[in-house]
């Protein structure tokens, strides 16, 4: 589906127009006019209409844009930014909407989707007057930007670079609740690891570690993209907008550091879990060893008096049976007393 937002000059009308009213060419959007074209789950014909006729892009750019449709087994393209003679091409990986939604588990099905190369891809093409965004899945950051323009349509006059900043800002803000839920989950896991370690708890930590590693990889690559956008090396990002990109970059750096801390904490919890299980096993083996050591002398006494040789002195003794039982009890009690004195139990 193609949606178009037009801003006609500094004092002209601003608002959404039907996709059928898309200009024949991006060259028609001149002066201080601004046009945002959003392709949400587009058909190949719609992609050809935008990237083939409205704004013709390099074949390599088109390959990267359509990669999730052409090669679904490989998943989305990793974040990157490339400058071409007449446009700037950016790829980022927003969070899946169900993962970014408050209250959803961070280590459940959505986490597996993120790890299994099913993360969304948002492609953006910027020119002096045009912003084109492309995505095959619904994205909360795009919806938030559309809602912002519904309330503040005149802000689109600042240019495509400002509109793209709004999308990136909304995308980065989606990490806040996810990072908070990961931190809360780790705190709960820490208590359970120390009180009741179990294989099920270890499996949960492994799922959480996979999620944290996947988020960390995406955040690091997106941090590099934002870093380049804030350095002023692209002429299509005006100097007055760099401050806004720098603000987004600062937030992204903070979330990257928090995710890095979460990764280290997950690794520490797994080591703690293994240590707790090992200590618990040692305690069990210690108790069993003590029992075996106490019973062993008693077994020796029973074995000696169970041989029944003909000339054993105690074989026909009237008190032989009580004496053997008493000797076994005395040896067992002595071993137990020795262990207590040594503070081994």
C-alpha atoms as a PDB file:
ATOM      1  CA  UNK A   1       0.000   0.000   0.000  1.00  0.00           C
ATOM      2  CA  UNK A   2       1.273   3.466  -0.906  1.00  0.00           C
ATOM      3  CA  UNK A   3       0.492   6.458   1.303  1.00  0.00           C
ATOM      4  CA  UNK A   4       1.659   9.976   0.491  1.00  0.00           C
ATOM      5  CA  UNK A   5       2.076  13.052   2.665  1.00  0.00           C
ATOM      6  CA  UNK A   6       2.534  16.364   0.823  1.00  0.00           C
ATOM      7  CA  UNK A   7       3.664  19.745   2.079  1.00  0.00           C
ATOM      8  CA  UNK A   8       3.324  22.432  -0.587  1.00  0.00           C
ATOM      9  CA  UNK A   9       5.655  25.302   0.154  1.00  0.00           C
ATOM     10  CA  UNK A  10       6.061  27.309   3.358  1.00  0.00           C
ATOM     11  CA  UNK A  11       2.427  28.436   3.413  1.00  0.00           C
ATOM     12  CA  UNK A  12       0.693  25.791   1.311  1.00  0.00           C
ATOM     13  CA  UNK A  13      -1.519  22.936   2.461  1.00  0.00           C
ATOM     14  CA  UNK A  14      -0.053  19.952   4.345  1.00  0.00           C
ATOM     15  CA  UNK A  15      -1.689  16.584   4.645  1.00  0.00           C
ATOM     16  CA  UNK A  16      -2.203  13.088   3.381  1.00  0.00           C
ATOM     17  CA  UNK A  17      -3.202  12.516  -0.216  1.00  0.00           C
ATOM     18  CA  UNK A  18      -4.322   9.283  -1.939  1.00  0.00           C
ATOM     19  CA  UNK A  19      -1.561   7.086  -3.271  1.00  0.00           C
ATOM     20  CA  UNK A  20      -3.003   7.503  -6.743  1.00  0.00           C
ATOM     21  CA  UNK A  21      -2.011  11.198  -6.582  1.00  0.00           C
ATOM     22  CA  UNK A  22       1.673  10.342  -6.329  1.00  0.00           C
ATOM     23  CA  UNK A  23       3.550  12.670  -8.706  1.00  0.00           C
ATOM     24  CA  UNK A  24       4.818  11.125 -11.885  1.00  0.00           C
ATOM     25  CA  UNK A  25       8.402  11.945 -10.895  1.00  0.00           C
ATOM     26  CA  UNK A  26      10.285  13.111  -7.829  1.00  0.00           C
ATOM     27  CA  UNK A  27      11.592  15.950  -9.990  1.00  0.00           C
ATOM     28  CA  UNK A  28       8.133  17.525  -9.750  1.00  0.00           C
ATOM     29  CA  UNK A  29       8.640  18.018  -5.986  1.00  0.00           C
ATOM     30  CA  UNK A  30      10.753  21.162  -6.084  1.00  0.00           C
ATOM     31  CA  UNK A  31      11.492  24.305  -4.123  1.00  0.00           C
ATOM     32  CA  UNK A  32      10.350  24.021  -0.526  1.00  0.00           C
ATOM     33  CA  UNK A  33       7.821  21.269  -1.240  1.00  0.00           C
ATOM     34  CA  UNK A  34       8.201  18.061   0.801  1.00  0.00           C
ATOM     35  CA  UNK A  35       6.821  14.626  -0.030  1.00  0.00           C
ATOM     36  CA  UNK A  36       6.864  11.518   2.154  1.00  0.00           C
ATOM     37  CA  UNK A  37       5.999   8.278   0.348  1.00  0.00           C
ATOM     38  CA  UNK A  38       5.460   5.272   2.612  1.00  0.00           C
ATOM     39  CA  UNK A  39       5.256   1.781   1.134  1.00  0.00           C
ATOM     40  CA  UNK A  40       3.740  -0.645   3.634  1.00  0.00           C
ATOM     41  CA  UNK A  41       3.796  -4.275   2.485  1.00  0.00           C
ATOM     42  CA  UNK A  42       3.869  -3.135  -1.157  1.00  0.00           C
ATOM     43  CA  UNK A  43       3.318  -5.293  -4.203  1.00  0.00           C
ATOM     44  CA  UNK A  44       6.061  -5.579  -6.845  1.00  0.00           C
ATOM     45  CA  UNK A  45       3.994  -3.266  -9.056  1.00  0.00           C
ATOM     46  CA  UNK A  46       3.873  -0.608  -6.326  1.00  0.00           C
ATOM     47  CA  UNK A  47       7.617  -0.951  -5.772  1.00  0.00           C
ATOM     48  CA  UNK A  48       8.209  -0.486  -9.484  1.00  0.00           C
ATOM     49  CA  UNK A  49       5.941   2.565  -9.521  1.00  0.00           C
ATOM     50  CA  UNK A  50       7.957   4.253  -6.751  1.00  0.00           C
ATOM     51  CA  UNK A  51      11.521   3.032  -7.306  1.00  0.00           C
ATOM     52  CA  UNK A  52      11.282   2.585 -11.043  1.00  0.00           C
ATOM     53  CA  UNK A  53       9.289   5.617 -12.189  1.00  0.00           C
ATOM     54  CA  UNK A  54       8.807   8.112  -9.355  1.00  0.00           C
ATOM     55  CA  UNK A  55      12.424   7.976  -8.119  1.00  0.00           C
ATOM     56  CA  UNK A  56      14.711   5.625  -9.981  1.00  0.00           C
ATOM     57  CA  UNK A  57      17.305   4.115  -7.623  1.00  0.00           C
ATOM     58  CA  UNK A  58      20.436   2.083  -8.174  1.00  0.00           C
ATOM     59  CA  UNK A  59      19.861  -1.661  -8.800  1.00  0.00           C
ATOM     60  CA  UNK A  60      21.895  -2.524  -5.698  1.00  0.00           C
ATOM     61  CA  UNK A  61      19.667  -0.272  -3.600  1.00  0.00           C
ATOM     62  CA  UNK A  62      16.575  -1.982  -4.987  1.00  0.00           C
ATOM     63  CA  UNK A  63      18.095  -5.382  -4.170  1.00  0.00           C
ATOM     64  CA  UNK A  64      18.661  -4.363  -0.555  1.00  0.00           C
ATOM     65  CA  UNK A  65      15.173  -2.863  -0.276  1.00  0.00           C
ATOM     66  CA  UNK A  66      13.414  -5.969  -1.590  1.00  0.00           C
ATOM     67  CA  UNK A  67      15.675  -8.558   0.058  1.00  0.00           C
ATOM     68  CA  UNK A  68      13.092  -9.695   2.671  1.00  0.00           C
ATOM     69  CA  UNK A  69      10.641 -10.502  -0.143  1.00  0.00           C
ATOM     70  CA  UNK A  70      13.165 -12.068  -2.519  1.00  0.00           C
ATOM     71  CA  UNK A  71      15.189 -14.022   0.072  1.00  0.00           C
ATOM     72  CA  UNK A  72      12.975 -14.602   3.100  1.00  0.00           C
ATOM     73  CA  UNK A  73      15.249 -17.401   4.318  1.00  0.00           C
ATOM     74  CA  UNK A  74      18.077 -14.867   4.790  1.00  0.00           C
ATOM     75  CA  UNK A  75      15.946 -12.337   6.631  1.00  0.00           C
ATOM     76  CA  UNK A  76      16.318  -8.578   6.726  1.00  0.00           C
ATOM     77  CA  UNK A  77      19.382  -6.627   5.714  1.00  0.00           C
ATOM     78  CA  UNK A  78      21.546  -5.381   8.563  1.00  0.00           C
ATOM     79  CA  UNK A  79      21.562  -1.618   9.281  1.00  0.00           C
ATOM     80  CA  UNK A  80      23.693   0.506   6.979  1.00  0.00           C
ATOM     81  CA  UNK A  81      23.848   3.923   5.303  1.00  0.00           C
ATOM     82  CA  UNK A  82      25.058   4.649   1.771  1.00  0.00           C
ATOM     83  CA  UNK A  83      25.320   7.914  -0.122  1.00  0.00           C
ATOM     84  CA  UNK A  84      24.570   8.049  -3.831  1.00  0.00           C
ATOM     85  CA  UNK A  85      24.912  11.063  -6.128  1.00  0.00           C
ATOM     86  CA  UNK A  86      21.251  12.056  -5.862  1.00  0.00           C
ATOM     87  CA  UNK A  87      19.942  10.320  -2.727  1.00  0.00           C
ATOM     88  CA  UNK A  88      20.850   8.869   0.660  1.00  0.00           C
ATOM     89  CA  UNK A  89      19.969   5.246   1.376  1.00  0.00           C
ATOM     90  CA  UNK A  90      19.496   3.995   4.952  1.00  0.00           C
ATOM     91  CA  UNK A  91      18.514   0.581   6.318  1.00  0.00           C
ATOM     92  CA  UNK A  92      17.570   0.001   9.967  1.00  0.00           C
ATOM     93  CA  UNK A  93      15.992  -2.896  11.875  1.00  0.00           C
ATOM     94  CA  UNK A  94      13.146  -1.737  14.142  1.00  0.00           C
ATOM     95  CA  UNK A  95      11.750  -3.987  16.822  1.00  0.00           C
ATOM     96  CA  UNK A  96       8.825  -6.224  15.909  1.00  0.00           C
ATOM     97  CA  UNK A  97       5.647  -4.485  17.122  1.00  0.00           C
ATOM     98  CA  UNK A  98       4.727  -7.390  19.414  1.00  0.00           C
ATOM     99  CA  UNK A  99       8.129  -7.254  21.133  1.00  0.00           C
ATOM    100  CA  UNK A 100       7.988  -3.485  21.591  1.00  0.00           C
ATOM    101  CA  UNK A 101       4.484  -3.699  23.096  1.00  0.00           C
ATOM    102  CA  UNK A 102       4.396  -3.239  26.864  1.00  0.00           C
ATOM    103  CA  UNK A 103       3.676  -6.314  28.951  1.00  0.00           C
ATOM    104  CA  UNK A 104       4.861  -8.873  26.430  1.00  0.00           C
ATOM    105  CA  UNK A 105       7.442 -11.470  27.563  1.00  0.00           C
ATOM    106  CA  UNK A 106      10.952 -10.737  26.370  1.00  0.00           C
ATOM    107  CA  UNK A 107      12.100 -14.338  26.127  1.00  0.00           C
ATOM    108  CA  UNK A 108       9.063 -15.919  24.479  1.00  0.00           C
ATOM    109  CA  UNK A 109       8.005 -16.528  20.903  1.00  0.00           C
ATOM    110  CA  UNK A 110       8.826 -12.994  19.799  1.00  0.00           C
ATOM    111  CA  UNK A 111      12.389 -13.337  21.012  1.00  0.00           C
ATOM    112  CA  UNK A 112      12.793 -16.433  18.874  1.00  0.00           C
ATOM    113  CA  UNK A 113      11.384 -14.543  15.899  1.00  0.00           C
ATOM    114  CA  UNK A 114      13.954 -11.800  16.382  1.00  0.00           C
ATOM    115  CA  UNK A 115      16.784 -14.304  16.631  1.00  0.00           C
ATOM    116  CA  UNK A 116      15.593 -16.436  13.710  1.00  0.00           C
ATOM    117  CA  UNK A 117      16.193 -13.667  11.185  1.00  0.00           C
ATOM    118  CA  UNK A 118      12.551 -12.568  11.180  1.00  0.00           C
ATOM    119  CA  UNK A 119      13.332  -9.060  12.360  1.00  0.00           C
ATOM    120  CA  UNK A 120      11.682  -6.250  10.337  1.00  0.00           C
ATOM    121  CA  UNK A 121      13.547  -4.078   7.863  1.00  0.00           C
ATOM    122  CA  UNK A 122      12.898  -0.406   7.303  1.00  0.00           C
ATOM    123  CA  UNK A 123      14.495   1.058   4.188  1.00  0.00           C
ATOM    124  CA  UNK A 124      14.600   4.818   3.600  1.00  0.00           C
ATOM    125  CA  UNK A 125      15.607   6.878   0.576  1.00  0.00           C
ATOM    126  CA  UNK A 126      16.133  10.607   1.115  1.00  0.00           C
ATOM    127  CA  UNK A 127      16.531  13.365  -1.420  1.00  0.00           C
ATOM    128  CA  UNK A 128      16.389  17.123  -0.972  1.00  0.00           C
ATOM    129  CA  UNK A 129      12.574  17.136  -1.106  1.00  0.00           C
ATOM    130  CA  UNK A 130      11.463  13.503  -0.905  1.00  0.00           C
ATOM    131  CA  UNK A 131      11.488  10.785   1.759  1.00  0.00           C
ATOM    132  CA  UNK A 132      10.579   7.236   0.745  1.00  0.00           C
ATOM    133  CA  UNK A 133      10.146   4.572   3.429  1.00  0.00           C
ATOM    134  CA  UNK A 134       9.655   0.903   2.642  1.00  0.00           C
ATOM    135  CA  UNK A 135       8.726  -1.981   4.949  1.00  0.00           C
ATOM    136  CA  UNK A 136       6.923  -5.296   4.577  1.00  0.00           C
ATOM    137  CA  UNK A 137       5.653  -5.482   8.168  1.00  0.00           C
ATOM    138  CA  UNK A 138       3.687  -2.948  10.221  1.00  0.00           C
ATOM    139  CA  UNK A 139       6.069  -0.788  12.231  1.00  0.00           C
ATOM    140  CA  UNK A 140       5.230   1.155  15.351  1.00  0.00           C
ATOM    141  CA  UNK A 141       7.789   3.871  14.597  1.00  0.00           C
ATOM    142  CA  UNK A 142       6.123   4.630  11.245  1.00  0.00           C
ATOM    143  CA  UNK A 143       2.671   4.639  12.827  1.00  0.00           C
ATOM    144  CA  UNK A 144       3.886   7.002  15.566  1.00  0.00           C
ATOM    145  CA  UNK A 145       5.316   9.388  12.974  1.00  0.00           C
ATOM    146  CA  UNK A 146       2.082   9.328  10.997  1.00  0.00           C
ATOM    147  CA  UNK A 147       0.161  10.125  14.184  1.00  0.00           C
ATOM    148  CA  UNK A 148       2.577  12.982  14.924  1.00  0.00           C
ATOM    149  CA  UNK A 149       1.989  14.459  11.466  1.00  0.00           C
ATOM    150  CA  UNK A 150      -1.761  14.190  11.981  1.00  0.00           C
ATOM    151  CA  UNK A 151      -1.327  16.570  14.928  1.00  0.00           C
ATOM    152  CA  UNK A 152       1.544  18.707  13.608  1.00  0.00           C
ATOM    153  CA  UNK A 153       1.355  18.593   9.838  1.00  0.00           C
ATOM    154  CA  UNK A 154       3.260  21.857   9.416  1.00  0.00           C
ATOM    155  CA  UNK A 155       6.420  20.252  10.889  1.00  0.00           C
ATOM    156  CA  UNK A 156       6.871  18.394   7.600  1.00  0.00           C
ATOM    157  CA  UNK A 157       8.002  21.679   6.034  1.00  0.00           C
ATOM    158  CA  UNK A 158      11.346  21.236   7.791  1.00  0.00           C
ATOM    159  CA  UNK A 159      12.273  18.633   5.199  1.00  0.00           C
ATOM    160  CA  UNK A 160      12.671  14.902   4.641  1.00  0.00           C
ATOM    161  CA  UNK A 161      15.662  14.729   6.974  1.00  0.00           C
ATOM    162  CA  UNK A 162      13.496  15.983   9.850  1.00  0.00           C
ATOM    163  CA  UNK A 163      10.748  13.471   9.019  1.00  0.00           C
ATOM    164  CA  UNK A 164      13.282  10.662   8.971  1.00  0.00           C
ATOM    165  CA  UNK A 165      14.605  11.849  12.322  1.00  0.00           C
ATOM    166  CA  UNK A 166      11.086  11.468  13.744  1.00  0.00           C
ATOM    167  CA  UNK A 167      10.966   7.868  12.525  1.00  0.00           C
ATOM    168  CA  UNK A 168      14.392   7.067  13.977  1.00  0.00           C
ATOM    169  CA  UNK A 169      13.487   8.726  17.277  1.00  0.00           C
ATOM    170  CA  UNK A 170      10.307   6.665  17.590  1.00  0.00           C
ATOM    171  CA  UNK A 171      12.224   3.519  16.627  1.00  0.00           C
ATOM    172  CA  UNK A 172      14.910   4.048  19.282  1.00  0.00           C
ATOM    173  CA  UNK A 173      12.323   4.877  21.968  1.00  0.00           C
ATOM    174  CA  UNK A 174      10.803   1.437  21.427  1.00  0.00           C
ATOM    175  CA  UNK A 175      13.870  -0.092  23.055  1.00  0.00           C
ATOM    176  CA  UNK A 176      13.153   1.557  26.421  1.00  0.00           C
ATOM    177  CA  UNK A 177      10.349  -0.789  27.625  1.00  0.00           C
ATOM    178  CA  UNK A 178      12.177  -3.831  26.236  1.00  0.00           C
ATOM    179  CA  UNK A 179      15.378  -2.964  28.100  1.00  0.00           C
ATOM    180  CA  UNK A 180      13.354  -2.338  31.281  1.00  0.00           C
ATOM    181  CA  UNK A 181      11.616  -5.710  30.996  1.00  0.00           C
ATOM    182  CA  UNK A 182      14.941  -7.450  30.403  1.00  0.00           C
ATOM    183  CA  UNK A 183      16.407  -5.806  33.507  1.00  0.00           C
ATOM    184  CA  UNK A 184      13.351  -6.787  35.576  1.00  0.00           C
ATOM    185  CA  UNK A 185      13.511 -10.343  34.267  1.00  0.00           C
ATOM    186  CA  UNK A 186      17.197 -10.595  35.144  1.00  0.00           C
ATOM    187  CA  UNK A 187      16.537  -9.394  38.699  1.00  0.00           C
ATOM    188  CA  UNK A 188      13.900 -12.097  39.140  1.00  0.00           C
ATOM    189  CA  UNK A 189      16.176 -14.726  37.645  1.00  0.00           C
ATOM    190  CA  UNK A 190      18.957 -13.739  40.017  1.00  0.00           C
ATOM    191  CA  UNK A 191      16.760 -14.479  43.043  1.00  0.00           C
ATOM    192  CA  UNK A 192      15.598 -17.814  41.620  1.00  0.00           C
ATOM    193  CA  UNK A 193      19.118 -18.872  40.663  1.00  0.00           C
ATOM    194  CA  UNK A 194      20.255 -18.491  44.258  1.00  0.00           C
ATOM    195  CA  UNK A 195      17.193 -20.172  45.802  1.00  0.00           C
ATOM    196  CA  UNK A 196      16.070 -22.834  43.357  1.00  0.00           C
ATOM    197  CA  UNK A 197      18.335 -23.548  40.356  1.00  0.00           C
ATOM    198  CA  UNK A 198      16.794 -25.903  37.816  1.00  0.00           C
ATOM    199  CA  UNK A 199      17.211 -27.021  34.186  1.00  0.00           C
ATOM    200  CA  UNK A 200      14.069 -25.083  33.256  1.00  0.00           C
ATOM    201  CA  UNK A 201      15.601 -21.920  34.695  1.00  0.00           C
ATOM    202  CA  UNK A 202      18.792 -22.513  32.705  1.00  0.00           C
ATOM    203  CA  UNK A 203      16.771 -22.920  29.485  1.00  0.00           C
ATOM    204  CA  UNK A 204      15.044 -19.603  30.172  1.00  0.00           C
ATOM    205  CA  UNK A 205      18.392 -17.903  30.679  1.00  0.00           C
ATOM    206  CA  UNK A 206      19.644 -19.328  27.387  1.00  0.00           C
ATOM    207  CA  UNK A 207      16.604 -17.912  25.550  1.00  0.00           C
ATOM    208  CA  UNK A 208      17.124 -14.566  27.221  1.00  0.00           C
ATOM    209  CA  UNK A 209      20.794 -14.582  26.268  1.00  0.00           C
ATOM    210  CA  UNK A 210      19.917 -15.211  22.624  1.00  0.00           C
ATOM    211  CA  UNK A 211      17.558 -12.247  22.689  1.00  0.00           C
ATOM    212  CA  UNK A 212      20.113  -9.968  24.337  1.00  0.00           C
ATOM    213  CA  UNK A 213      22.826 -10.977  21.855  1.00  0.00           C
ATOM    214  CA  UNK A 214      20.497 -10.340  18.902  1.00  0.00           C
ATOM    215  CA  UNK A 215      19.475  -6.921  20.272  1.00  0.00           C
ATOM    216  CA  UNK A 216      23.099  -6.039  20.943  1.00  0.00           C
ATOM    217  CA  UNK A 217      24.139  -6.873  17.386  1.00  0.00           C
ATOM    218  CA  UNK A 218      21.337  -4.729  15.930  1.00  0.00           C
ATOM    219  CA  UNK A 219      21.962  -1.838  18.318  1.00  0.00           C
ATOM    220  CA  UNK A 220      25.681  -1.739  17.564  1.00  0.00           C
ATOM    221  CA  UNK A 221      25.068  -1.575  13.813  1.00  0.00           C
ATOM    222  CA  UNK A 222      22.341   1.054  14.212  1.00  0.00           C
ATOM    223  CA  UNK A 223      24.659   3.044  16.460  1.00  0.00           C
ATOM    224  CA  UNK A 224      27.195   3.163  13.636  1.00  0.00           C
ATOM    225  CA  UNK A 225      24.495   4.400  11.235  1.00  0.00           C
ATOM    226  CA  UNK A 226      23.412   7.157  13.638  1.00  0.00           C
ATOM    227  CA  UNK A 227      27.031   8.084  14.294  1.00  0.00           C
ATOM    228  CA  UNK A 228      27.589   8.719  10.587  1.00  0.00           C
ATOM    229  CA  UNK A 229      24.373  10.731  10.336  1.00  0.00           C
ATOM    230  CA  UNK A 230      25.469  12.963  13.230  1.00  0.00           C
ATOM    231  CA  UNK A 231      28.960  13.674  11.868  1.00  0.00           C
ATOM    232  CA  UNK A 232      27.688  15.897   9.072  1.00  0.00           C
ATOM    233  CA  UNK A 233      29.238  13.831   6.297  1.00  0.00           C
ATOM    234  CA  UNK A 234      26.016  13.680   4.269  1.00  0.00           C
ATOM    235  CA  UNK A 235      24.866  16.789   2.474  1.00  0.00           C
ATOM    236  CA  UNK A 236      21.204  15.695   2.560  1.00  0.00           C
ATOM    237  CA  UNK A 237      21.184  15.951   6.374  1.00  0.00           C
ATOM    238  CA  UNK A 238      21.169  19.670   7.084  1.00  0.00           C
ATOM    239  CA  UNK A 239      23.277  21.132   9.870  1.00  0.00           C
ATOM    240  CA  UNK A 240      20.227  22.343  11.814  1.00  0.00           C
ATOM    241  CA  UNK A 241      18.882  18.772  11.994  1.00  0.00           C
ATOM    242  CA  UNK A 242      22.140  17.182  13.150  1.00  0.00           C
ATOM    243  CA  UNK A 243      21.363  18.187  16.746  1.00  0.00           C
ATOM    244  CA  UNK A 244      18.166  16.110  16.597  1.00  0.00           C
ATOM    245  CA  UNK A 245      20.017  13.134  15.138  1.00  0.00           C
ATOM    246  CA  UNK A 246      22.619  13.529  17.874  1.00  0.00           C
ATOM    247  CA  UNK A 247      19.855  13.332  20.488  1.00  0.00           C
ATOM    248  CA  UNK A 248      18.630  10.068  18.956  1.00  0.00           C
ATOM    249  CA  UNK A 249      22.219   8.816  18.875  1.00  0.00           C
ATOM    250  CA  UNK A 250      22.650   9.565  22.591  1.00  0.00           C
ATOM    251  CA  UNK A 251      19.552   7.529  23.436  1.00  0.00           C
ATOM    252  CA  UNK A 252      20.754   4.666  21.267  1.00  0.00           C
ATOM    253  CA  UNK A 253      24.170   4.678  22.952  1.00  0.00           C
ATOM    254  CA  UNK A 254      22.475   4.494  26.360  1.00  0.00           C
ATOM    255  CA  UNK A 255      20.355   1.505  25.350  1.00  0.00           C
ATOM    256  CA  UNK A 256      23.393  -0.184  23.815  1.00  0.00           C
ATOM    257  CA  UNK A 257      25.269   0.159  27.088  1.00  0.00           C
ATOM    258  CA  UNK A 258      22.291  -1.216  29.021  1.00  0.00           C
ATOM    259  CA  UNK A 259      22.026  -4.195  26.669  1.00  0.00           C
ATOM    260  CA  UNK A 260      25.773  -4.768  27.000  1.00  0.00           C
ATOM    261  CA  UNK A 261      25.360  -4.790  30.780  1.00  0.00           C
ATOM    262  CA  UNK A 262      22.428  -7.199  30.448  1.00  0.00           C
ATOM    263  CA  UNK A 263      24.562  -9.522  28.305  1.00  0.00           C
ATOM    264  CA  UNK A 264      27.268  -9.611  30.962  1.00  0.00           C
ATOM    265  CA  UNK A 265      24.671 -10.159  33.681  1.00  0.00           C
ATOM    266  CA  UNK A 266      23.120 -13.089  31.810  1.00  0.00           C
ATOM    267  CA  UNK A 267      26.547 -14.680  31.444  1.00  0.00           C
ATOM    268  CA  UNK A 268      27.237 -14.132  35.160  1.00  0.00           C
ATOM    269  CA  UNK A 269      23.859 -15.626  36.082  1.00  0.00           C
ATOM    270  CA  UNK A 270      24.571 -18.701  33.990  1.00  0.00           C
ATOM    271  CA  UNK A 271      27.910 -19.133  35.745  1.00  0.00           C
ATOM    272  CA  UNK A 272      26.193 -18.615  39.100  1.00  0.00           C
ATOM    273  CA  UNK A 273      23.544 -21.159  38.149  1.00  0.00           C
ATOM    274  CA  UNK A 274      26.183 -23.741  37.258  1.00  0.00           C
ATOM    275  CA  UNK A 275      28.020 -23.029  40.513  1.00  0.00           C
ATOM    276  CA  UNK A 276      24.805 -23.351  42.521  1.00  0.00           C
ATOM    277  CA  UNK A 277      23.969 -26.657  40.848  1.00  0.00           C
ATOM    278  CA  UNK A 278      27.521 -27.877  41.449  1.00  0.00           C
ATOM    279  CA  UNK A 279      27.380 -26.877  45.123  1.00  0.00           C
ATOM    280  CA  UNK A 280      24.014 -28.552  45.513  1.00  0.00           C
ATOM    281  CA  UNK A 281      25.392 -31.730  43.954  1.00  0.00           C
ATOM    282  CA  UNK A 282      28.424 -31.554  46.249  1.00  0.00           C
ATOM    283  CA  UNK A 283      26.157 -31.327  49.281  1.00  0.00           C
ATOM    284  CA  UNK A 284      24.182 -34.363  48.128  1.00  0.00           C
ATOM    285  CA  UNK A 285      27.346 -36.341  47.453  1.00  0.00           C
ATOM    286  CA  UNK A 286      28.698 -35.286  50.840  1.00  0.00           C
ATOM    287  CA  UNK A 287      25.646 -36.666  52.652  1.00  0.00           C
ATOM    288  CA  UNK A 288      25.727 -39.903  50.685  1.00  0.00           C
ATOM    289  CA  UNK A 289      29.439 -40.293  51.345  1.00  0.00           C
ATOM    290  CA  UNK A 290      28.928 -39.790  55.074  1.00  0.00           C
ATOM    291  CA  UNK A 291      26.180 -42.422  55.109  1.00  0.00           C
ATOM    292  CA  UNK A 292      28.384 -44.848  53.203  1.00  0.00           C
ATOM    293  CA  UNK A 293      31.344 -44.202  55.507  1.00  0.00           C
ATOM    294  CA  UNK A 294      29.218 -44.801  58.615  1.00  0.00           C
ATOM    295  CA  UNK A 295      27.713 -48.003  57.234  1.00  0.00           C
ATOM    296  CA  UNK A 296      31.014 -49.412  55.876  1.00  0.00           C
ATOM    297  CA  UNK A 297      32.508 -50.510  59.268  1.00  0.00           C
ATOM    298  CA  UNK A 298      29.150 -52.011  60.197  1.00  0.00           C
ATOM    299  CA  UNK A 299      29.187 -53.971  56.949  1.00  0.00           C
ATOM    300  CA  UNK A 300      32.724 -55.174  57.778  1.00  0.00           C
ATOM    301  CA  UNK A 301      31.623 -56.509  61.164  1.00  0.00           C
ATOM    302  CA  UNK A 302      28.595 -58.190  59.603  1.00  0.00           C
ATOM    303  CA  UNK A 303      30.822 -59.716  56.920  1.00  0.00           C
ATOM    304  CA  UNK A 304      33.310 -61.148  59.443  1.00  0.00           C
ATOM    305  CA  UNK A 305      30.628 -62.732  61.595  1.00  0.00           C
ATOM    306  CA  UNK A 306      28.761 -63.988  58.565  1.00  0.00           C
ATOM    307  CA  UNK A 307      31.557 -66.359  57.446  1.00  0.00           C
ATOM    308  CA  UNK A 308      30.533 -69.140  59.924  1.00  0.00           C
ATOM    309  CA  UNK A 309      33.843 -70.984  60.089  1.00  0.00           C
ATOM    310  CA  UNK A 310      33.734 -74.074  62.314  1.00  0.00           C
ATOM    311  CA  UNK A 311      36.291 -72.938  64.872  1.00  0.00           C
ATOM    312  CA  UNK A 312      35.155 -69.322  65.254  1.00  0.00           C
ATOM    313  CA  UNK A 313      35.310 -68.516  68.999  1.00  0.00           C
ATOM    314  CA  UNK A 314      31.988 -66.674  68.985  1.00  0.00           C
ATOM    315  CA  UNK A 315      30.166 -69.191  66.749  1.00  0.00           C
ATOM    316  CA  UNK A 316      28.317 -70.911  69.586  1.00  0.00           C
ATOM    317  CA  UNK A 317      28.552 -68.082  72.086  1.00  0.00           C
ATOM    318  CA  UNK A 318      25.234 -67.197  73.697  1.00  0.00           C
ATOM    319  CA  UNK A 319      25.855 -63.422  73.510  1.00  0.00           C
ATOM    320  CA  UNK A 320      27.517 -63.444  70.091  1.00  0.00           C
ATOM    321  CA  UNK A 321      24.544 -61.994  68.195  1.00  0.00           C
ATOM    322  CA  UNK A 322      23.935 -59.083  70.631  1.00  0.00           C
ATOM    323  CA  UNK A 323      27.690 -58.452  70.750  1.00  0.00           C
ATOM    324  CA  UNK A 324      27.888 -58.170  66.926  1.00  0.00           C
ATOM    325  CA  UNK A 325      24.929 -55.790  66.785  1.00  0.00           C
ATOM    326  CA  UNK A 326      26.376 -53.684  69.587  1.00  0.00           C
ATOM    327  CA  UNK A 327      29.772 -53.582  67.920  1.00  0.00           C
ATOM    328  CA  UNK A 328      28.200 -52.382  64.664  1.00  0.00           C
ATOM    329  CA  UNK A 329      26.216 -49.748  66.521  1.00  0.00           C
ATOM    330  CA  UNK A 330      29.298 -48.617  68.464  1.00  0.00           C
ATOM    331  CA  UNK A 331      31.435 -48.310  65.318  1.00  0.00           C
ATOM    332  CA  UNK A 332      28.690 -46.387  63.490  1.00  0.00           C
ATOM    333  CA  UNK A 333      28.157 -43.992  66.401  1.00  0.00           C
ATOM    334  CA  UNK A 334      31.905 -43.467  66.713  1.00  0.00           C
ATOM    335  CA  UNK A 335      32.218 -42.594  63.010  1.00  0.00           C
ATOM    336  CA  UNK A 336      29.302 -40.179  63.238  1.00  0.00           C
ATOM    337  CA  UNK A 337      30.794 -38.531  66.348  1.00  0.00           C
ATOM    338  CA  UNK A 338      34.141 -38.147  64.562  1.00  0.00           C
ATOM    339  CA  UNK A 339      32.502 -36.417  61.593  1.00  0.00           C
ATOM    340  CA  UNK A 340      30.649 -34.028  63.866  1.00  0.00           C
ATOM    341  CA  UNK A 341      33.839 -33.266  65.789  1.00  0.00           C
ATOM    342  CA  UNK A 342      35.626 -32.505  62.511  1.00  0.00           C
ATOM    343  CA  UNK A 343      32.605 -30.374  61.505  1.00  0.00           C
ATOM    344  CA  UNK A 344      32.228 -32.261  58.253  1.00  0.00           C
ATOM    345  CA  UNK A 345      28.481 -32.552  58.856  1.00  0.00           C
END
